[in-house]
Protein backbone atom coordinates (compact mmCIF):
# COMPACT_ATOMS: atom_id res chain seq x y z
CA MET A 1 12.49 0.01 -55.19
CA LYS A 2 15.08 2.25 -56.82
CA THR A 3 12.40 4.77 -57.78
CA PHE A 4 11.08 4.80 -54.18
CA VAL A 5 14.56 5.50 -52.76
CA GLN A 6 15.19 8.23 -55.32
CA HIS A 7 11.82 9.79 -54.55
CA ASN A 8 12.51 9.90 -50.80
CA LEU A 9 16.08 11.10 -51.34
CA PHE A 10 14.73 14.03 -53.34
CA TYR A 11 12.47 15.07 -50.45
CA ILE A 12 15.26 14.73 -47.90
CA ILE A 13 17.57 16.94 -49.99
CA PHE A 14 14.73 19.41 -50.53
CA PHE A 15 13.96 19.51 -46.79
CA ILE A 16 17.61 20.08 -45.84
CA GLY A 17 17.90 22.77 -48.47
CA PHE A 18 14.74 24.42 -47.21
CA ILE A 19 16.09 24.46 -43.67
CA GLY A 20 19.24 26.07 -44.96
CA PHE A 21 17.20 29.07 -46.18
CA SER A 22 15.50 29.65 -42.82
CA GLN A 23 15.76 33.20 -41.53
CA THR A 24 15.88 34.96 -38.18
CA ILE A 25 13.25 37.62 -37.50
CA GLU A 26 13.78 40.08 -34.64
CA VAL A 27 10.95 41.58 -32.62
CA CYS A 28 11.44 44.69 -30.48
CA GLY A 29 9.98 48.11 -29.83
CA ASP A 30 12.39 49.78 -32.28
CA CYS A 31 12.51 46.95 -34.83
CA THR A 32 10.69 46.79 -38.15
CA ILE A 33 8.57 44.06 -36.57
CA THR A 34 7.16 45.15 -33.20
CA SER A 35 4.79 42.31 -32.33
CA LEU A 36 5.06 38.54 -32.05
CA LYS A 37 1.82 38.08 -33.99
CA GLU A 38 3.22 40.02 -36.94
CA ALA A 39 6.48 38.06 -36.84
CA ILE A 40 4.58 34.76 -36.95
CA ARG A 41 2.46 36.01 -39.86
CA ILE A 42 5.40 36.88 -42.10
CA ALA A 43 7.67 33.99 -41.02
CA LYS A 44 8.33 31.03 -43.28
CA ASP A 45 8.39 27.44 -42.05
CA PHE A 46 11.34 26.71 -39.74
CA ASP A 47 12.29 30.36 -39.29
CA THR A 48 13.53 31.60 -35.93
CA ILE A 49 11.88 34.55 -34.17
CA VAL A 50 13.96 36.34 -31.56
CA VAL A 51 11.92 38.47 -29.15
CA LYS A 52 14.09 41.18 -27.58
CA LYS A 53 13.75 42.27 -23.96
CA GLY A 54 10.68 44.39 -23.32
CA THR A 55 6.96 44.11 -22.59
CA TYR A 56 4.55 43.04 -25.31
CA LYS A 57 0.82 43.22 -24.62
CA ALA A 58 -0.85 40.42 -26.54
CA HIS A 59 -3.16 37.43 -26.26
CA ASP A 60 -4.59 34.82 -28.65
CA ILE A 61 -1.19 34.38 -30.29
CA VAL A 62 -1.49 31.38 -32.63
CA ILE A 63 1.61 29.56 -33.85
CA ASP A 64 0.41 27.73 -36.96
CA LYS A 65 3.69 26.80 -38.66
CA PRO A 66 6.99 25.14 -37.65
CA LEU A 67 8.94 27.88 -35.85
CA THR A 68 11.48 28.49 -33.11
CA ILE A 69 10.56 31.42 -30.87
CA VAL A 70 13.30 32.53 -28.49
CA GLY A 71 13.13 35.24 -25.87
CA GLU A 72 16.24 37.34 -25.24
CA ASN A 73 16.63 38.29 -21.54
CA TYR A 74 13.07 37.13 -20.76
CA PRO A 75 10.77 39.53 -22.62
CA VAL A 76 7.32 39.82 -21.00
CA ILE A 77 4.25 38.69 -22.92
CA ASP A 78 1.34 40.30 -21.05
CA GLY A 79 -2.09 38.81 -21.81
CA GLU A 80 -3.86 41.62 -19.90
CA LEU A 81 -6.27 39.02 -18.42
CA LYS A 82 -8.10 38.83 -21.75
CA GLY A 83 -7.88 35.08 -22.44
CA GLU A 84 -5.38 32.50 -23.62
CA ILE A 85 -1.98 33.87 -24.54
CA ILE A 86 -0.11 31.43 -26.84
CA THR A 87 -1.65 28.48 -28.72
CA ILE A 88 0.49 26.08 -30.77
CA ILE A 89 -1.33 24.20 -33.53
CA SER A 90 1.65 23.16 -35.70
CA ASP A 91 4.21 20.38 -35.44
CA ASN A 92 7.88 21.18 -34.82
CA VAL A 93 7.49 24.29 -32.66
CA THR A 94 9.92 25.44 -29.97
CA VAL A 95 9.08 28.22 -27.49
CA ASP A 96 12.01 29.21 -25.30
CA GLY A 97 12.81 31.93 -22.76
CA LEU A 98 9.62 33.99 -22.43
CA PHE A 99 8.05 35.54 -19.33
CA ILE A 100 4.28 35.14 -19.74
CA ILE A 101 1.82 36.82 -17.36
CA ASN A 102 -1.86 37.72 -16.89
CA VAL A 103 -3.81 34.81 -18.35
CA GLY A 104 -7.56 35.36 -18.48
CA THR A 105 -9.82 33.51 -16.05
CA SER A 106 -13.02 31.83 -17.21
CA TYR A 107 -15.60 29.41 -15.82
CA THR A 108 -16.29 27.98 -19.31
CA GLU A 109 -12.84 27.99 -20.96
CA ASP A 110 -9.56 26.56 -19.65
CA TYR A 111 -7.38 29.50 -20.65
CA ALA A 112 -3.66 28.73 -20.50
CA ALA A 113 -0.47 30.73 -20.67
CA ILE A 114 0.64 28.35 -23.41
CA ARG A 115 -1.37 25.56 -25.04
CA VAL A 116 -0.19 22.85 -27.42
CA ARG A 117 -3.04 21.39 -29.47
CA LYS A 118 -2.78 18.37 -31.83
CA SER A 119 0.93 18.85 -32.33
CA LYS A 120 4.04 16.71 -32.46
CA ASN A 121 7.71 17.33 -31.77
CA PHE A 122 7.21 20.43 -29.65
CA VAL A 123 9.59 21.92 -27.08
CA ILE A 124 8.40 24.23 -24.30
CA GLN A 125 11.36 25.32 -22.21
CA ASN A 126 12.85 28.01 -19.98
CA LEU A 127 9.55 29.83 -19.54
CA VAL A 128 8.44 31.78 -16.48
CA LEU A 129 4.65 31.80 -16.09
CA GLU A 130 2.92 33.97 -13.49
CA LYS A 131 -0.57 35.34 -12.83
CA LEU A 132 -2.12 32.44 -14.64
CA PHE A 133 -5.22 30.27 -14.82
CA PHE A 134 -3.75 27.15 -16.43
CA GLY A 135 -0.02 27.22 -17.05
CA ILE A 136 1.07 24.76 -19.78
CA TYR A 137 -1.78 22.76 -21.34
CA ILE A 138 -0.84 19.88 -23.67
CA GLU A 139 -3.90 18.63 -25.58
CA LYS A 140 -4.01 15.64 -27.96
CA SER A 141 -0.30 16.06 -28.68
CA SER A 142 2.71 13.77 -28.61
CA HIS A 143 6.50 13.45 -28.69
CA GLY A 144 7.19 16.70 -26.91
CA LYS A 145 9.39 18.12 -24.18
CA VAL A 146 8.43 20.47 -21.32
CA PHE A 147 11.74 21.43 -19.72
CA HIS A 148 13.03 23.92 -17.14
CA ASN A 149 9.88 26.01 -16.72
CA LYS A 150 8.76 27.91 -13.63
CA VAL A 151 4.99 28.02 -13.08
CA ILE A 152 3.90 30.28 -10.23
CA GLY A 153 0.18 30.69 -9.64
CA ASP A 154 -1.77 32.58 -7.01
CA ALA A 155 -4.57 30.06 -6.51
CA VAL A 156 -6.66 30.36 -3.36
CA GLU A 157 -9.65 28.08 -4.06
CA GLU A 158 -10.09 25.02 -6.28
CA TYR A 159 -13.15 26.16 -8.20
CA ASN A 160 -11.54 29.23 -9.78
CA SER A 161 -8.01 27.98 -10.36
CA GLY A 162 -6.31 25.80 -12.96
CA ASN A 163 -3.42 23.36 -13.09
CA GLY A 164 0.26 24.08 -13.58
CA ILE A 165 1.14 21.54 -16.27
CA GLN A 166 -1.74 19.54 -17.74
CA LEU A 167 -1.71 16.70 -20.26
CA TRP A 168 -4.93 15.48 -21.86
CA TYR A 169 -4.91 12.62 -24.37
CA SER A 170 -1.20 13.21 -24.93
CA HIS A 171 1.53 10.60 -25.26
CA HIS A 172 5.32 10.30 -25.23
CA VAL A 173 5.80 13.63 -23.47
CA GLU A 174 8.81 14.36 -21.24
CA ILE A 175 8.25 16.78 -18.33
CA GLU A 176 11.52 17.51 -16.58
CA HIS A 177 13.12 20.07 -14.25
CA ASN A 178 10.02 22.22 -13.81
CA TYR A 179 9.07 24.12 -10.66
CA ILE A 180 5.34 24.49 -9.96
CA GLU A 181 3.60 26.12 -7.01
CA HIS A 182 0.35 27.77 -5.91
CA VAL A 183 -1.91 26.25 -8.57
CA ARG A 184 -4.76 23.73 -8.19
CA ASP A 185 -2.85 20.57 -9.25
CA GLY A 186 0.84 20.96 -9.95
CA ILE A 187 1.02 18.30 -12.68
CA TYR A 188 -2.15 16.69 -14.04
CA LEU A 189 -2.40 13.83 -16.54
CA GLU A 190 -5.53 12.31 -18.00
CA PHE A 191 -5.57 9.64 -20.73
CA SER A 192 -1.86 10.20 -21.30
CA ASP A 193 0.45 7.21 -21.77
CA ASP A 194 4.19 6.58 -22.04
CA CYS A 195 5.18 9.88 -20.41
CA LEU A 196 8.24 10.65 -18.29
CA ILE A 197 7.84 13.02 -15.31
CA LYS A 198 11.30 13.61 -13.87
CA ASN A 199 13.18 15.99 -11.54
CA ASN A 200 10.25 18.35 -10.99
CA VAL A 201 9.34 20.19 -7.78
CA SER A 202 5.62 20.60 -7.14
CA ALA A 203 4.88 22.37 -3.84
CA LEU A 204 2.32 24.50 -2.02
CA ASN A 205 -0.51 23.66 -4.39
CA ILE A 206 -4.17 23.89 -3.42
CA ARG A 207 -5.03 20.25 -4.09
CA TYR A 208 -2.51 17.76 -5.53
CA GLY A 209 1.18 18.08 -6.30
CA LEU A 210 0.60 15.37 -8.91
CA HIS A 211 -2.75 14.03 -10.09
CA PHE A 212 -3.25 11.55 -12.87
CA MET A 213 -6.07 9.33 -14.06
CA PHE A 214 -6.55 6.74 -16.81
CA SER A 215 -2.90 7.00 -17.84
CA ASN A 216 -0.73 3.92 -18.36
CA ASP A 217 2.94 3.03 -18.75
CA ASP A 218 4.13 6.33 -17.26
CA THR A 219 7.29 6.90 -15.21
CA TYR A 220 7.56 9.37 -12.30
CA GLN A 221 11.14 9.71 -11.12
CA ASP A 222 13.22 11.95 -8.84
CA ASN A 223 10.41 14.45 -8.20
CA THR A 224 9.63 16.33 -4.98
CA PHE A 225 6.01 16.77 -3.89
CA GLU A 226 5.93 18.89 -0.75
CA ASN A 227 3.33 20.65 1.35
CA ASN A 228 0.44 20.23 -1.07
CA GLY A 229 -3.19 20.35 0.05
CA ALA A 230 -4.00 16.66 -0.39
CA GLY A 231 -0.67 15.26 -1.58
CA VAL A 232 -0.46 13.13 -4.74
CA ALA A 233 -3.28 11.09 -6.34
CA VAL A 234 -2.63 8.21 -8.74
CA MET A 235 -5.89 6.72 -10.03
CA PHE A 236 -7.33 4.18 -12.48
CA SER A 237 -4.06 3.35 -14.23
CA LYS A 238 -1.67 0.45 -14.76
CA LYS A 239 2.01 -0.24 -15.31
CA ILE A 240 3.12 2.90 -13.49
CA ARG A 241 6.74 3.24 -12.37
CA MET A 242 7.39 5.60 -9.45
CA TYR A 243 11.06 5.77 -8.54
CA ASN A 244 13.06 7.89 -6.09
CA ASN A 245 10.45 10.59 -5.45
CA THR A 246 10.02 12.54 -2.21
CA PHE A 247 6.57 13.03 -0.67
CA LYS A 248 6.86 15.39 2.26
CA GLU A 249 4.79 17.47 4.69
CA ASN A 250 1.35 16.80 3.28
CA TRP A 251 -0.71 17.29 6.45
CA GLY A 252 -4.47 17.40 6.99
CA THR A 253 -7.52 15.27 7.68
CA ALA A 254 -7.78 14.39 3.96
CA SER A 255 -4.07 14.50 3.13
CA TYR A 256 -1.51 11.84 2.30
CA GLY A 257 1.84 11.56 0.64
CA MET A 258 0.21 9.50 -2.08
CA LEU A 259 -3.24 8.07 -2.77
CA LEU A 260 -3.39 4.94 -4.91
CA LYS A 261 -6.84 4.08 -6.24
CA GLU A 262 -7.39 1.26 -8.75
CA ILE A 263 -3.71 1.01 -9.67
CA ASN A 264 -2.42 -2.33 -10.94
CA ASP A 265 0.82 -4.00 -12.04
CA SER A 266 3.08 -1.14 -10.98
CA GLU A 267 6.35 -0.45 -9.13
CA ILE A 268 6.94 1.98 -6.27
CA ILE A 269 10.65 1.84 -5.54
CA GLY A 270 13.19 4.04 -3.77
CA ASN A 271 10.77 6.76 -2.63
CA THR A 272 10.74 8.75 0.61
CA PHE A 273 7.49 9.43 2.47
CA GLU A 274 8.23 11.82 5.32
CA GLU A 275 6.01 13.79 7.69
CA ASN A 276 2.68 13.11 6.00
CA THR A 277 -0.63 12.40 7.71
CA ILE A 278 -0.64 9.14 5.70
CA GLY A 279 2.39 8.04 3.70
CA ILE A 280 0.45 5.92 1.17
CA ASN A 281 -3.32 5.48 1.18
CA ILE A 282 -4.20 2.40 -0.90
CA GLU A 283 -7.59 1.41 -2.31
CA GLY A 284 -8.33 -1.34 -4.81
CA SER A 285 -4.74 -1.65 -6.03
CA ASN A 286 -3.16 -4.97 -6.92
CA ARG A 287 0.11 -6.60 -7.93
CA ILE A 288 2.27 -3.65 -6.92
CA ILE A 289 5.87 -3.95 -5.76
CA TYR A 290 6.79 -1.58 -2.90
CA LYS A 291 10.53 -1.83 -2.43
CA HIS A 292 13.38 0.25 -0.96
CA ASN A 293 11.07 3.02 0.25
CA ASN A 294 11.58 5.07 3.42
CA PHE A 295 8.52 5.83 5.56
CA LYS A 296 9.59 8.32 8.20
CA ASN A 297 7.69 10.28 10.85
CA ASN A 298 4.28 9.87 9.24
CA GLY A 299 0.99 9.51 11.07
CA TRP A 300 0.31 6.26 9.22
CA ALA A 301 3.04 4.92 6.98
CA ILE A 302 0.56 2.87 4.91
CA LYS A 303 -3.23 2.60 5.08
CA VAL A 304 -4.71 -0.35 3.21
CA ARG A 305 -8.43 0.27 2.80
CA GLY A 306 -9.45 -2.97 1.14
CA ALA A 307 -9.56 -4.86 -2.17
CA CYS A 308 -5.77 -4.83 -2.36
CA TYR A 309 -4.32 -8.19 -3.35
CA THR A 310 -0.98 -9.84 -4.14
CA ASN A 311 1.11 -6.77 -3.38
CA GLN A 312 4.69 -7.08 -2.16
CA PHE A 313 6.19 -4.84 0.54
CA VAL A 314 9.85 -5.83 0.57
CA GLU A 315 13.01 -4.23 2.04
CA ASN A 316 11.42 -0.95 3.08
CA ASN A 317 12.32 1.14 6.15
CA PHE A 318 9.50 2.06 8.56
CA LEU A 319 10.97 4.73 10.82
CA TYR A 320 9.22 6.32 13.80
CA ASN A 321 5.71 6.45 12.33
CA SER A 322 2.79 6.71 14.76
CA PHE A 323 1.34 3.64 13.00
CA ASP A 324 3.18 1.53 10.46
CA ILE A 325 0.25 -0.26 8.81
CA ALA A 326 -3.50 0.22 9.01
CA TYR A 327 -5.63 -2.59 7.60
CA ASN A 328 -9.41 -2.74 7.51
CA SER A 329 -9.84 -6.41 6.66
CA LYS A 330 -9.00 -9.70 8.35
CA VAL A 331 -8.11 -11.18 4.96
CA ASN A 332 -4.54 -10.75 3.73
CA ASP A 333 -2.62 -12.21 0.80
CA ASN A 334 -0.10 -9.37 0.55
CA VAL A 335 3.55 -10.11 1.33
CA PHE A 336 5.51 -8.16 3.97
CA ASP A 337 9.08 -9.39 4.04
CA LYS A 338 12.58 -8.23 5.00
CA ASN A 339 11.49 -4.75 6.08
CA TYR A 340 13.07 -2.71 8.85
CA TRP A 341 10.62 -1.63 11.55
CA SER A 342 11.84 0.88 14.13
CA ASN A 343 9.13 -0.40 16.53
CA TYR A 344 10.42 -3.98 16.36
CA THR A 345 11.49 -5.24 19.79
CA GLY A 346 12.46 -8.80 18.90
CA TYR A 347 15.90 -10.34 19.15
CA ASP A 348 18.52 -11.74 16.78
CA LEU A 349 20.42 -14.47 18.63
CA ASP A 350 22.35 -15.74 15.63
CA LYS A 351 23.37 -12.19 14.59
CA ASP A 352 22.41 -12.69 10.95
CA GLY A 353 20.64 -9.31 10.76
CA ILE A 354 17.17 -10.91 10.69
CA GLY A 355 14.94 -10.89 13.74
CA ASP A 356 14.21 -14.33 15.18
CA VAL A 357 10.63 -13.35 16.02
CA PRO A 358 8.19 -12.27 13.24
CA TYR A 359 6.87 -8.71 13.43
CA ARG A 360 3.17 -7.87 13.37
CA PRO A 361 2.90 -4.32 11.95
CA VAL A 362 -0.89 -3.93 12.36
CA LYS A 363 -1.71 -2.80 15.88
CA LEU A 364 -5.11 -3.09 17.50
CA PHE A 365 -5.06 0.60 18.38
CA SER A 366 -4.60 1.43 14.68
CA TYR A 367 -7.75 -0.61 13.99
CA ILE A 368 -9.61 1.27 16.75
CA VAL A 369 -8.54 4.70 15.51
CA ASN A 370 -9.67 3.78 11.99
CA ARG A 371 -13.14 3.08 13.34
CA THR A 372 -13.24 5.84 15.96
CA PRO A 373 -10.83 8.68 15.07
CA GLU A 374 -11.42 10.50 18.38
CA THR A 375 -9.49 7.78 20.23
CA ILE A 376 -6.25 9.16 18.78
CA ILE A 377 -5.95 11.27 21.95
CA LEU A 378 -4.99 8.05 23.76
CA LEU A 379 -1.90 7.59 21.59
CA ARG A 380 1.24 6.74 23.58
CA SER A 381 -0.68 5.97 26.77
CA MET A 382 0.04 2.80 28.75
CA PHE A 383 -3.50 1.59 28.06
CA ILE A 384 -2.65 1.39 24.35
CA ASP A 385 0.47 -0.66 25.02
CA ILE A 386 -1.66 -3.18 26.92
CA ILE A 387 -4.30 -3.65 24.21
CA ASP A 388 -1.67 -3.87 21.47
CA PHE A 389 0.17 -6.57 23.43
CA SER A 390 -3.04 -8.55 23.93
CA GLU A 391 -3.80 -8.44 20.20
CA LYS A 392 -0.28 -9.59 19.38
CA VAL A 393 -0.67 -12.61 21.67
CA SER A 394 -4.12 -13.55 20.35
CA PRO A 395 -5.19 -11.71 17.17
CA VAL A 396 -8.93 -11.14 16.95
CA PHE A 397 -9.44 -7.91 14.96
CA THR A 398 -6.28 -7.79 12.85
CA PRO A 399 -5.12 -10.25 10.15
CA ASP A 400 -3.33 -13.07 11.96
CA ASN A 401 -1.24 -13.84 8.86
CA LEU A 402 -0.12 -10.27 8.22
CA MET A 403 3.40 -10.36 9.57
CA ASP A 404 6.96 -9.88 8.46
CA HIS A 405 8.71 -13.21 9.04
CA HIS A 406 12.17 -11.79 8.31
CA PRO A 407 12.26 -8.33 9.95
CA GLN A 408 15.62 -6.62 9.54
CA THR A 409 17.42 -5.53 12.67
CA LYS A 410 19.25 -2.72 10.86
CA LYS A 411 18.00 -0.17 8.37
CA VAL A 412 17.86 -1.48 4.85
CA THR A 413 20.40 0.14 2.54
CA TRP A 414 20.46 0.01 -1.23
């Protein structure tokens, strides 16, 4: 045991001593070293490379050793549309403060402004990425941070554009305080677990503000997803936590604030869904807690398309939506309880803040529009009020047990 401790102590002292001898290499037009590639070639492990302000035309820059690369006053790394610009293949790399432009476009290669491949303990921060194909691509990597980056694409069509920040088979990655716009998908995760996506803004993207598949135990918190082509898609995953996000102004015939498909054992708490065609579109998702969410001025607040069981919708606010709930089945074992419904017209004689009459959020007209979309032109006509009233008195097409038995008479606060 003593020998083992001594052996490890030797390596710790050696490592600290090695760090102490790390150097700083400067890159500039008038410096001894004029290119980032040359600086990386001559650098020793754990050196720092400072890139001075200026424009450096380069692509296929490979960082193959532990280094810190820092831009001073945002030097421009111009890839001249020739391919990928920076690729990290070493652990313990930090890239900070660069302005990277002109990534090559390809129909066979996913060229990125900066790629991290099979690496650990990386930091990608304070970058500005423009004129790109893919922005930041994290591949088979873990325990990294992607902080305070601005990713601005010029995507017009899905087929020839890439994603802003993409994770593939990557775990324990923190993505925080990034701004992404005008790419295909703002943030995309596939087979990536235990990640934190926090305080990002993803707007004006061609397809999804956020898109993830086959990724478990992830947390999405305090993000804004606004005015994206189809909204946000969360698919084929479990144990997802989505807290305090804003989904806003995702309009279109195939748009929604958020699509849930095959999501299980998750929490959706404290979010705002405002001015979307559909707030949440749910398919095949089970055992999810929806709590303390605001659904405001949407076409449909929630569309439940079937095979959704034992979900709980508790203490949410449904405010001035054209339809609160759409449901395409007469079978219901989901719980709706203690929500506030702006369309509720019941009374509260004992003044305890809970309506004395249960609320039925699924309207017959919602059922009709689901089957025949053209009938939406009849919305807000007196004819609709009559058929909705008749269905409330004697349910035939809508689930007779789908009701909120404790509707709140005032907005829920938390």
